[in-house]
PDB file of N, CA and C in Angstrom:
ATOM      1  N   MET A   1      -5.824  58.475  -7.219  1.00  0.00           N
ATOM      2  CA  MET A   1      -7.417  58.014  -7.004  1.00  0.00           C
ATOM      3  C   MET A   1      -7.927  58.245  -5.766  1.00  0.00           C
ATOM      4  N   SER A   2      -9.530  58.506  -5.602  1.00  0.00           N
ATOM      5  CA  SER A   2      -9.914  58.070  -4.190  1.00  0.00           C
ATOM      6  C   SER A   2     -10.719  57.116  -4.195  1.00  0.00           C
ATOM      7  N   GLU A   3     -10.868  56.695  -2.608  1.00  0.00           N
ATOM      8  CA  GLU A   3     -11.510  55.118  -2.411  1.00  0.00           C
ATOM      9  C   GLU A   3     -12.829  55.503  -2.903  1.00  0.00           C
ATOM     10  N   PRO A   4     -13.647  54.313  -3.397  1.00  0.00           N
ATOM     11  CA  PRO A   4     -15.059  54.373  -3.198  1.00  0.00           C
ATOM     12  C   PRO A   4     -16.107  54.280  -2.861  1.00  0.00           C
ATOM     13  N   ILE A   5     -17.070  55.059  -2.307  1.00  0.00           N
ATOM     14  CA  ILE A   5     -17.971  55.195  -1.594  1.00  0.00           C
ATOM     15  C   ILE A   5     -18.930  54.102  -1.355  1.00  0.00           C
ATOM     16  N   ILE A   6     -19.128  53.349  -0.343  1.00  0.00           N
ATOM     17  CA  ILE A   6     -19.767  52.012  -0.393  1.00  0.00           C
ATOM     18  C   ILE A   6     -20.972  52.402   0.018  1.00  0.00           C
ATOM     19  N   ILE A   7     -21.761  52.094  -0.365  1.00  0.00           N
ATOM     20  CA  ILE A   7     -23.371  52.768  -0.059  1.00  0.00           C
ATOM     21  C   ILE A   7     -24.084  51.014   0.437  1.00  0.00           C
ATOM     22  N   ASP A   8     -24.611  51.590   1.369  1.00  0.00           N
ATOM     23  CA  ASP A   8     -25.677  50.340   2.010  1.00  0.00           C
ATOM     24  C   ASP A   8     -27.016  50.009   1.115  1.00  0.00           C
ATOM     25  N   PRO A   9     -27.244  49.203   0.439  1.00  0.00           N
ATOM     26  CA  PRO A   9     -28.321  48.883  -0.539  1.00  0.00           C
ATOM     27  C   PRO A   9     -29.554  49.391   0.714  1.00  0.00           C
ATOM     28  N   LYS A  10     -29.670  48.397   2.044  1.00  0.00           N
ATOM     29  CA  LYS A  10     -30.849  48.734   2.520  1.00  0.00           C
ATOM     30  C   LYS A  10     -31.073  49.868   3.452  1.00  0.00           C
ATOM     31  N   GLY A  11     -30.296  51.024   3.422  1.00  0.00           N
ATOM     32  CA  GLY A  11     -29.886  52.284   3.994  1.00  0.00           C
ATOM     33  C   GLY A  11     -30.702  53.330   2.922  1.00  0.00           C
ATOM     34  N   LEU A  12     -31.131  52.695   1.471  1.00  0.00           N
ATOM     35  CA  LEU A  12     -31.587  53.251   0.525  1.00  0.00           C
ATOM     36  C   LEU A  12     -33.146  53.146   1.048  1.00  0.00           C
ATOM     37  N   ALA A  13     -33.532  52.649   1.699  1.00  0.00           N
ATOM     38  CA  ALA A  13     -35.215  52.346   1.674  1.00  0.00           C
ATOM     39  C   ALA A  13     -35.558  52.945   2.744  1.00  0.00           C
ATOM     40  N   VAL A  14     -34.326  53.960   3.682  1.00  0.00           N
ATOM     41  CA  VAL A  14     -35.065  54.489   4.455  1.00  0.00           C
ATOM     42  C   VAL A  14     -35.645  55.506   4.104  1.00  0.00           C
ATOM     43  N   ILE A  15     -37.044  56.096   4.573  1.00  0.00           N
ATOM     44  CA  ILE A  15     -37.135  57.252   4.730  1.00  0.00           C
ATOM     45  C   ILE A  15     -37.311  58.174   5.217  1.00  0.00           C
ATOM     46  N   LYS A  16     -36.606  59.419   5.282  1.00  0.00           N
ATOM     47  CA  LYS A  16     -36.648  60.722   5.529  1.00  0.00           C
ATOM     48  C   LYS A  16     -37.842  61.632   6.113  1.00  0.00           C
ATOM     49  N   THR A  17     -38.277  62.024   6.992  1.00  0.00           N
ATOM     50  CA  THR A  17     -39.169  63.195   6.663  1.00  0.00           C
ATOM     51  C   THR A  17     -38.355  64.565   6.775  1.00  0.00           C
ATOM     52  N   GLU A  18     -39.248  65.135   5.676  1.00  0.00           N
ATOM     53  CA  GLU A  18     -39.054  66.455   5.263  1.00  0.00           C
ATOM     54  C   GLU A  18     -39.929  67.344   5.556  1.00  0.00           C
ATOM     55  N   TYR A  19     -39.603  68.206   5.294  1.00  0.00           N
ATOM     56  CA  TYR A  19     -40.800  69.296   5.517  1.00  0.00           C
ATOM     57  C   TYR A  19     -40.852  70.384   3.926  1.00  0.00           C
ATOM     58  N   VAL A  20     -42.246  70.796   3.739  1.00  0.00           N
ATOM     59  CA  VAL A  20     -42.191  71.616   2.683  1.00  0.00           C
ATOM     60  C   VAL A  20     -43.348  72.547   3.184  1.00  0.00           C
ATOM     61  N   GLU A  21     -42.991  73.939   2.706  1.00  0.00           N
ATOM     62  CA  GLU A  21     -43.922  75.144   2.864  1.00  0.00           C
ATOM     63  C   GLU A  21     -44.695  75.081   1.511  1.00  0.00           C
ATOM     64  N   VAL A  22     -46.529  74.976   1.868  1.00  0.00           N
ATOM     65  CA  VAL A  22     -47.194  75.558   1.150  1.00  0.00           C
ATOM     66  C   VAL A  22     -47.889  76.983   1.491  1.00  0.00           C
ATOM     67  N   GLU A  23     -47.149  77.908   0.120  1.00  0.00           N
ATOM     68  CA  GLU A  23     -47.975  79.451   0.278  1.00  0.00           C
ATOM     69  C   GLU A  23     -49.141  79.518   0.241  1.00  0.00           C
ATOM     70  N   GLY A  24     -49.653  79.809   1.524  1.00  0.00           N
ATOM     71  CA  GLY A  24     -50.939  80.222   1.966  1.00  0.00           C
ATOM     72  C   GLY A  24     -51.819  79.106   2.961  1.00  0.00           C
ATOM     73  N   VAL A  25     -51.001  78.366   2.879  1.00  0.00           N
ATOM     74  CA  VAL A  25     -51.233  76.817   3.883  1.00  0.00           C
ATOM     75  C   VAL A  25     -50.707  76.740   4.646  1.00  0.00           C
ATOM     76  N   GLY A  26     -49.317  76.401   4.605  1.00  0.00           N
ATOM     77  CA  GLY A  26     -48.391  76.225   5.987  1.00  0.00           C
ATOM     78  C   GLY A  26     -46.920  75.447   5.766  1.00  0.00           C
ATOM     79  N   THR A  27     -46.829  74.711   6.582  1.00  0.00           N
ATOM     80  CA  THR A  27     -45.657  73.805   6.459  1.00  0.00           C
ATOM     81  C   THR A  27     -46.505  72.181   6.707  1.00  0.00           C
ATOM     82  N   PHE A  28     -45.801  71.715   5.531  1.00  0.00           N
ATOM     83  CA  PHE A  28     -46.286  70.077   6.085  1.00  0.00           C
ATOM     84  C   PHE A  28     -45.008  69.322   6.023  1.00  0.00           C
ATOM     85  N   ALA A  29     -44.903  68.257   6.993  1.00  0.00           N
ATOM     86  CA  ALA A  29     -44.467  67.016   7.198  1.00  0.00           C
ATOM     87  C   ALA A  29     -44.189  66.080   5.882  1.00  0.00           C
ATOM     88  N   TYR A  30     -43.414  65.208   5.332  1.00  0.00           N
ATOM     89  CA  TYR A  30     -43.481  64.560   4.254  1.00  0.00           C
ATOM     90  C   TYR A  30     -42.448  63.340   4.456  1.00  0.00           C
ATOM     91  N   GLY A  31     -43.078  62.350   3.633  1.00  0.00           N
ATOM     92  CA  GLY A  31     -41.426  61.679   2.990  1.00  0.00           C
ATOM     93  C   GLY A  31     -42.095  60.997   1.542  1.00  0.00           C
ATOM     94  N   ARG A  32     -40.783  60.832   1.118  1.00  0.00           N
ATOM     95  CA  ARG A  32     -40.938  60.726  -0.316  1.00  0.00           C
ATOM     96  C   ARG A  32     -41.605  59.422  -0.471  1.00  0.00           C
ATOM     97  N   LEU A  33     -42.055  59.582  -2.136  1.00  0.00           N
ATOM     98  CA  LEU A  33     -42.577  58.300  -2.280  1.00  0.00           C
ATOM     99  C   LEU A  33     -42.001  57.469  -2.751  1.00  0.00           C
ATOM    100  N   THR A  34     -42.441  55.948  -2.591  1.00  0.00           N
ATOM    101  CA  THR A  34     -40.962  54.284  -3.032  1.00  0.00           C
ATOM    102  C   THR A  34     -41.055  54.234  -4.361  1.00  0.00           C
ATOM    103  N   VAL A  35     -40.396  53.617  -5.105  1.00  0.00           N
ATOM    104  CA  VAL A  35     -40.555  53.004  -6.337  1.00  0.00           C
ATOM    105  C   VAL A  35     -41.969  52.264  -6.147  1.00  0.00           C
ATOM    106  N   ARG A  36     -42.359  51.252  -5.307  1.00  0.00           N
ATOM    107  CA  ARG A  36     -43.220  50.752  -4.796  1.00  0.00           C
ATOM    108  C   ARG A  36     -44.774  51.615  -5.015  1.00  0.00           C
ATOM    109  N   ASP A  37     -44.668  52.637  -4.250  1.00  0.00           N
ATOM    110  CA  ASP A  37     -45.670  53.400  -4.118  1.00  0.00           C
ATOM    111  C   ASP A  37     -46.282  53.769  -5.933  1.00  0.00           C
ATOM    112  N   LEU A  38     -44.823  54.540  -6.759  1.00  0.00           N
ATOM    113  CA  LEU A  38     -45.360  54.777  -7.557  1.00  0.00           C
ATOM    114  C   LEU A  38     -45.767  53.805  -8.795  1.00  0.00           C
ATOM    115  N   SER A  39     -45.468  52.409  -8.579  1.00  0.00           N
ATOM    116  CA  SER A  39     -45.833  51.446  -9.223  1.00  0.00           C
ATOM    117  C   SER A  39     -47.476  51.009  -9.039  1.00  0.00           C
ATOM    118  N   GLU A  40     -48.195  51.263  -7.646  1.00  0.00           N
ATOM    119  CA  GLU A  40     -49.129  51.345  -7.628  1.00  0.00           C
ATOM    120  C   GLU A  40     -49.687  52.240  -8.028  1.00  0.00           C
ATOM    121  N   ILE A  41     -49.560  53.306  -7.547  1.00  0.00           N
ATOM    122  CA  ILE A  41     -50.215  54.766  -8.261  1.00  0.00           C
ATOM    123  C   ILE A  41     -50.757  54.804  -9.651  1.00  0.00           C
ATOM    124  N   ARG A  42     -49.626  54.286 -10.044  1.00  0.00           N
ATOM    125  CA  ARG A  42     -49.504  54.400 -11.886  1.00  0.00           C
ATOM    126  C   ARG A  42     -50.411  53.533 -12.476  1.00  0.00           C
ATOM    127  N   LYS A  43     -50.972  52.333 -11.728  1.00  0.00           N
ATOM    128  CA  LYS A  43     -51.879  51.272 -11.673  1.00  0.00           C
ATOM    129  C   LYS A  43     -53.284  51.978 -11.796  1.00  0.00           C
ATOM    130  N   ILE A  44     -53.331  53.024 -11.457  1.00  0.00           N
ATOM    131  CA  ILE A  44     -54.745  53.803 -10.831  1.00  0.00           C
ATOM    132  C   ILE A  44     -55.579  54.686 -12.247  1.00  0.00           C
ATOM    133  N   GLU A  45     -56.065  54.273 -12.879  1.00  0.00           N
ATOM    134  CA  GLU A  45     -56.695  55.426 -14.275  1.00  0.00           C
ATOM    135  C   GLU A  45     -57.280  56.412 -14.051  1.00  0.00           C
ATOM    136  N   ASP A  46     -57.942  56.470 -12.404  1.00  0.00           N
ATOM    137  CA  ASP A  46     -58.092  58.019 -12.474  1.00  0.00           C
ATOM    138  C   ASP A  46     -57.456  58.856 -12.112  1.00  0.00           C
ATOM    139  N   GLU A  47     -56.726  60.035 -12.185  1.00  0.00           N
ATOM    140  CA  GLU A  47     -56.027  61.153 -12.348  1.00  0.00           C
ATOM    141  C   GLU A  47     -56.558  61.615 -10.818  1.00  0.00           C
ATOM    142  N   ILE A  48     -57.509  61.940 -10.751  1.00  0.00           N
ATOM    143  CA  ILE A  48     -58.355  62.763  -9.351  1.00  0.00           C
ATOM    144  C   ILE A  48     -57.649  61.522  -8.150  1.00  0.00           C
ATOM    145  N   GLU A  49     -57.546  60.202  -8.496  1.00  0.00           N
ATOM    146  CA  GLU A  49     -57.615  59.381  -7.334  1.00  0.00           C
ATOM    147  C   GLU A  49     -56.123  58.659  -7.288  1.00  0.00           C
ATOM    148  N   GLN A  50     -55.374  59.160  -8.268  1.00  0.00           N
ATOM    149  CA  GLN A  50     -54.132  59.317  -8.358  1.00  0.00           C
ATOM    150  C   GLN A  50     -53.450  60.212  -7.262  1.00  0.00           C
ATOM    151  N   SER A  51     -53.838  61.430  -7.295  1.00  0.00           N
ATOM    152  CA  SER A  51     -53.235  62.836  -7.158  1.00  0.00           C
ATOM    153  C   SER A  51     -54.036  62.534  -5.668  1.00  0.00           C
ATOM    154  N   TYR A  52     -54.961  61.906  -4.975  1.00  0.00           N
ATOM    155  CA  TYR A  52     -54.921  61.823  -3.655  1.00  0.00           C
ATOM    156  C   TYR A  52     -54.208  60.562  -3.197  1.00  0.00           C
ATOM    157  N   GLN A  53     -54.280  59.316  -3.942  1.00  0.00           N
ATOM    158  CA  GLN A  53     -53.299  58.718  -3.372  1.00  0.00           C
ATOM    159  C   GLN A  53     -51.505  59.196  -3.438  1.00  0.00           C
ATOM    160  N   ILE A  54     -51.204  60.109  -4.059  1.00  0.00           N
ATOM    161  CA  ILE A  54     -49.807  60.683  -4.028  1.00  0.00           C
ATOM    162  C   ILE A  54     -49.109  61.494  -2.604  1.00  0.00           C
ATOM    163  N   VAL A  55     -50.756  62.234  -2.511  1.00  0.00           N
ATOM    164  CA  VAL A  55     -51.074  63.175  -1.429  1.00  0.00           C
ATOM    165  C   VAL A  55     -51.175  62.414   0.011  1.00  0.00           C
ATOM    166  N   HIS A  56     -51.542  61.405   0.104  1.00  0.00           N
ATOM    167  CA  HIS A  56     -52.034  60.615   0.877  1.00  0.00           C
ATOM    168  C   HIS A  56     -50.733  60.219   1.662  1.00  0.00           C
ATOM    169  N   ARG A  57     -50.010  59.018   0.601  1.00  0.00           N
ATOM    170  CA  ARG A  57     -49.036  58.497   0.641  1.00  0.00           C
ATOM    171  C   ARG A  57     -47.760  59.575   1.574  1.00  0.00           C
ATOM    172  N   MET A  58     -47.423  60.565   0.467  1.00  0.00           N
ATOM    173  CA  MET A  58     -46.402  61.373   0.970  1.00  0.00           C
ATOM    174  C   MET A  58     -46.789  61.809   2.725  1.00  0.00           C
ATOM    175  N   LEU A  59     -47.481  62.275   2.722  1.00  0.00           N
ATOM    176  CA  LEU A  59     -48.156  63.051   4.095  1.00  0.00           C
ATOM    177  C   LEU A  59     -48.115  62.182   5.139  1.00  0.00           C
ATOM    178  N   ALA A  60     -48.636  60.945   4.717  1.00  0.00           N
ATOM    179  CA  ALA A  60     -48.791  59.766   5.806  1.00  0.00           C
ATOM    180  C   ALA A  60     -47.445  59.357   6.092  1.00  0.00           C
ATOM    181  N   ARG A  61     -46.611  59.354   5.356  1.00  0.00           N
ATOM    182  CA  ARG A  61     -45.299  58.685   5.751  1.00  0.00           C
ATOM    183  C   ARG A  61     -44.690  59.521   7.273  1.00  0.00           C
ATOM    184  N   ALA A  62     -45.237  60.804   7.073  1.00  0.00           N
ATOM    185  CA  ALA A  62     -44.904  61.494   8.345  1.00  0.00           C
ATOM    186  C   ALA A  62     -45.619  61.782   9.191  1.00  0.00           C
ATOM    187  N   ASN A  63     -47.633  61.536   8.963  1.00  0.00           N
ATOM    188  CA  ASN A  63     -48.090  61.775   9.830  1.00  0.00           C
ATOM    189  C   ASN A  63     -48.776  60.116   9.596  1.00  0.00           C
ATOM    190  N   PRO A  64     -49.060  59.356  10.377  1.00  0.00           N
ATOM    191  CA  PRO A  64     -49.346  57.971  10.064  1.00  0.00           C
ATOM    192  C   PRO A  64     -50.968  57.826  10.429  1.00  0.00           C
ATOM    193  N   GLU A  65     -51.088  58.499  11.453  1.00  0.00           N
ATOM    194  CA  GLU A  65     -52.917  58.505  11.603  1.00  0.00           C
ATOM    195  C   GLU A  65     -53.854  59.364  10.480  1.00  0.00           C
ATOM    196  N   LEU A  66     -52.904  60.206   9.562  1.00  0.00           N
ATOM    197  CA  LEU A  66     -53.710  60.743   8.271  1.00  0.00           C
ATOM    198  C   LEU A  66     -54.743  59.759   7.522  1.00  0.00           C
ATOM    199  N   THR A  67     -55.995  59.656   7.110  1.00  0.00           N
ATOM    200  CA  THR A  67     -56.560  58.839   6.411  1.00  0.00           C
ATOM    201  C   THR A  67     -56.537  59.747   5.118  1.00  0.00           C
ATOM    202  N   ILE A  68     -56.974  59.324   3.937  1.00  0.00           N
ATOM    203  CA  ILE A  68     -57.328  59.088   2.619  1.00  0.00           C
ATOM    204  C   ILE A  68     -58.905  60.261   2.914  1.00  0.00           C
ATOM    205  N   GLU A  69     -59.615  59.921   3.613  1.00  0.00           N
ATOM    206  CA  GLU A  69     -60.826  60.366   3.721  1.00  0.00           C
ATOM    207  C   GLU A  69     -60.834  61.464   4.561  1.00  0.00           C
ATOM    208  N   GLU A  70     -59.621  62.281   5.324  1.00  0.00           N
ATOM    209  CA  GLU A  70     -59.790  62.985   5.761  1.00  0.00           C
ATOM    210  C   GLU A  70     -58.990  64.037   4.645  1.00  0.00           C
ATOM    211  N   ILE A  71     -58.312  63.726   3.703  1.00  0.00           N
ATOM    212  CA  ILE A  71     -57.989  64.224   2.736  1.00  0.00           C
ATOM    213  C   ILE A  71     -58.547  64.791   1.755  1.00  0.00           C
ATOM    214  N   GLY A  72     -60.182  64.131   1.620  1.00  0.00           N
ATOM    215  CA  GLY A  72     -60.953  64.120   0.850  1.00  0.00           C
ATOM    216  C   GLY A  72     -62.023  65.255   1.514  1.00  0.00           C
ATOM    217  N   ASP A  73     -61.990  65.203   2.581  1.00  0.00           N
ATOM    218  CA  ASP A  73     -62.503  66.319   3.413  1.00  0.00           C
ATOM    219  C   ASP A  73     -61.941  68.283   3.122  1.00  0.00           C
ATOM    220  N   TRP A  74     -60.628  67.772   2.655  1.00  0.00           N
ATOM    221  CA  TRP A  74     -60.067  69.085   2.908  1.00  0.00           C
ATOM    222  C   TRP A  74     -60.648  70.169   1.306  1.00  0.00           C
ATOM    223  N   ASP A  75     -60.695  71.449   1.481  1.00  0.00           N
ATOM    224  CA  ASP A  75     -60.787  72.143   0.658  1.00  0.00           C
ATOM    225  C   ASP A  75     -60.257  72.287  -0.814  1.00  0.00           C
ATOM    226  N   PRO A  76     -61.011  72.026  -1.738  1.00  0.00           N
ATOM    227  CA  PRO A  76     -60.296  71.762  -3.332  1.00  0.00           C
ATOM    228  C   PRO A  76     -59.169  72.815  -3.271  1.00  0.00           C
ATOM    229  N   HIS A  77     -58.966  73.892  -2.937  1.00  0.00           N
ATOM    230  CA  HIS A  77     -58.163  74.727  -3.270  1.00  0.00           C
ATOM    231  C   HIS A  77     -56.739  74.943  -2.231  1.00  0.00           C
ATOM    232  N   VAL A  78     -57.236  73.907  -1.034  1.00  0.00           N
ATOM    233  CA  VAL A  78     -56.033  73.550  -0.218  1.00  0.00           C
ATOM    234  C   VAL A  78     -55.617  72.314  -0.598  1.00  0.00           C
ATOM    235  N   PHE A  79     -56.016  71.518  -1.128  1.00  0.00           N
ATOM    236  CA  PHE A  79     -55.459  70.139  -1.813  1.00  0.00           C
ATOM    237  C   PHE A  79     -54.723  70.587  -3.065  1.00  0.00           C
ATOM    238  N   LYS A  80     -55.191  71.311  -3.642  1.00  0.00           N
ATOM    239  CA  LYS A  80     -54.344  71.895  -5.397  1.00  0.00           C
ATOM    240  C   LYS A  80     -53.048  72.426  -5.020  1.00  0.00           C
ATOM    241  N   ARG A  81     -52.874  73.455  -3.637  1.00  0.00           N
ATOM    242  CA  ARG A  81     -52.000  73.792  -3.222  1.00  0.00           C
ATOM    243  C   ARG A  81     -50.794  72.532  -2.819  1.00  0.00           C
ATOM    244  N   VAL A  82     -51.546  72.030  -2.114  1.00  0.00           N
ATOM    245  CA  VAL A  82     -50.440  70.835  -1.098  1.00  0.00           C
ATOM    246  C   VAL A  82     -49.723  69.795  -2.346  1.00  0.00           C
ATOM    247  N   PHE A  83     -51.023  69.201  -3.399  1.00  0.00           N
ATOM    248  CA  PHE A  83     -50.356  67.883  -4.404  1.00  0.00           C
ATOM    249  C   PHE A  83     -49.698  69.111  -5.412  1.00  0.00           C
ATOM    250  N   GLU A  84     -49.315  70.192  -5.734  1.00  0.00           N
ATOM    251  CA  GLU A  84     -48.967  71.082  -6.804  1.00  0.00           C
ATOM    252  C   GLU A  84     -47.412  71.045  -5.649  1.00  0.00           C
ATOM    253  N   ARG A  85     -47.372  71.527  -4.749  1.00  0.00           N
ATOM    254  CA  ARG A  85     -46.219  71.842  -3.926  1.00  0.00           C
ATOM    255  C   ARG A  85     -45.313  70.482  -3.464  1.00  0.00           C
ATOM    256  N   LEU A  86     -46.569  69.165  -3.667  1.00  0.00           N
ATOM    257  CA  LEU A  86     -45.727  68.203  -3.692  1.00  0.00           C
ATOM    258  C   LEU A  86     -44.950  67.596  -4.432  1.00  0.00           C
ATOM    259  N   ILE A  87     -45.578  67.685  -5.560  1.00  0.00           N
ATOM    260  CA  ILE A  87     -45.158  67.369  -6.872  1.00  0.00           C
ATOM    261  C   ILE A  87     -43.729  67.886  -7.109  1.00  0.00           C
ATOM    262  N   GLU A  88     -44.169  69.203  -7.114  1.00  0.00           N
ATOM    263  CA  GLU A  88     -42.920  70.278  -7.286  1.00  0.00           C
ATOM    264  C   GLU A  88     -41.606  69.503  -6.922  1.00  0.00           C
ATOM    265  N   VAL A  89     -41.899  69.299  -5.239  1.00  0.00           N
ATOM    266  CA  VAL A  89     -40.490  68.791  -4.503  1.00  0.00           C
ATOM    267  C   VAL A  89     -40.167  67.750  -4.680  1.00  0.00           C
ATOM    268  N   SER A  90     -40.809  66.972  -5.542  1.00  0.00           N
ATOM    269  CA  SER A  90     -40.948  65.335  -5.651  1.00  0.00           C
ATOM    270  C   SER A  90     -40.918  64.791  -7.111  1.00  0.00           C
ATOM    271  N   ASP A  91     -40.490  65.473  -7.957  1.00  0.00           N
ATOM    272  CA  ASP A  91     -40.757  65.212  -9.174  1.00  0.00           C
ATOM    273  C   ASP A  91     -40.320  63.766 -10.033  1.00  0.00           C
ATOM    274  N   PHE A  92     -41.511  63.238 -10.018  1.00  0.00           N
ATOM    275  CA  PHE A  92     -40.968  61.924 -10.157  1.00  0.00           C
ATOM    276  C   PHE A  92     -41.999  61.759 -11.742  1.00  0.00           C
ATOM    277  N   ARG A  93     -42.351  62.735 -12.461  1.00  0.00           N
ATOM    278  CA  ARG A  93     -43.171  62.222 -13.504  1.00  0.00           C
ATOM    279  C   ARG A  93     -41.898  61.544 -14.711  1.00  0.00           C
ATOM    280  N   GLY A  94     -41.099  61.787 -14.958  1.00  0.00           N
ATOM    281  CA  GLY A  94     -40.030  61.022 -15.625  1.00  0.00           C
ATOM    282  C   GLY A  94     -39.700  59.660 -15.266  1.00  0.00           C
ATOM    283  N   THR A  95     -40.389  59.028 -14.498  1.00  0.00           N
ATOM    284  CA  THR A  95     -39.810  57.979 -14.049  1.00  0.00           C
ATOM    285  C   THR A  95     -40.540  57.099 -14.588  1.00  0.00           C
ATOM    286  N   ASN A  96     -40.119  55.572 -15.337  1.00  0.00           N
ATOM    287  CA  ASN A  96     -41.065  54.672 -15.869  1.00  0.00           C
ATOM    288  C   ASN A  96     -41.338  53.726 -15.087  1.00  0.00           C
TER     289      ASN A  96
END
């Protein structure tokens, strides 16, 4: 029998920068959402505001200077592409 792999629970909180290609837009650096992020986002009733928060929180992990106001100035088609791609690579919809 092999030895169990011991996990350092504190290491699970480290958010790595990852990269995703958004067709027609470019490559974005992002970090995955945390359990705390999901809990806070789920309290927001407005779906558009939820989507803003998801995109901002994920991109701000790798781009701390990015503001939610700047995302609000994006072309809606660009926002839609980025949002859909981030959801695709980080599918958390089944999380309760």
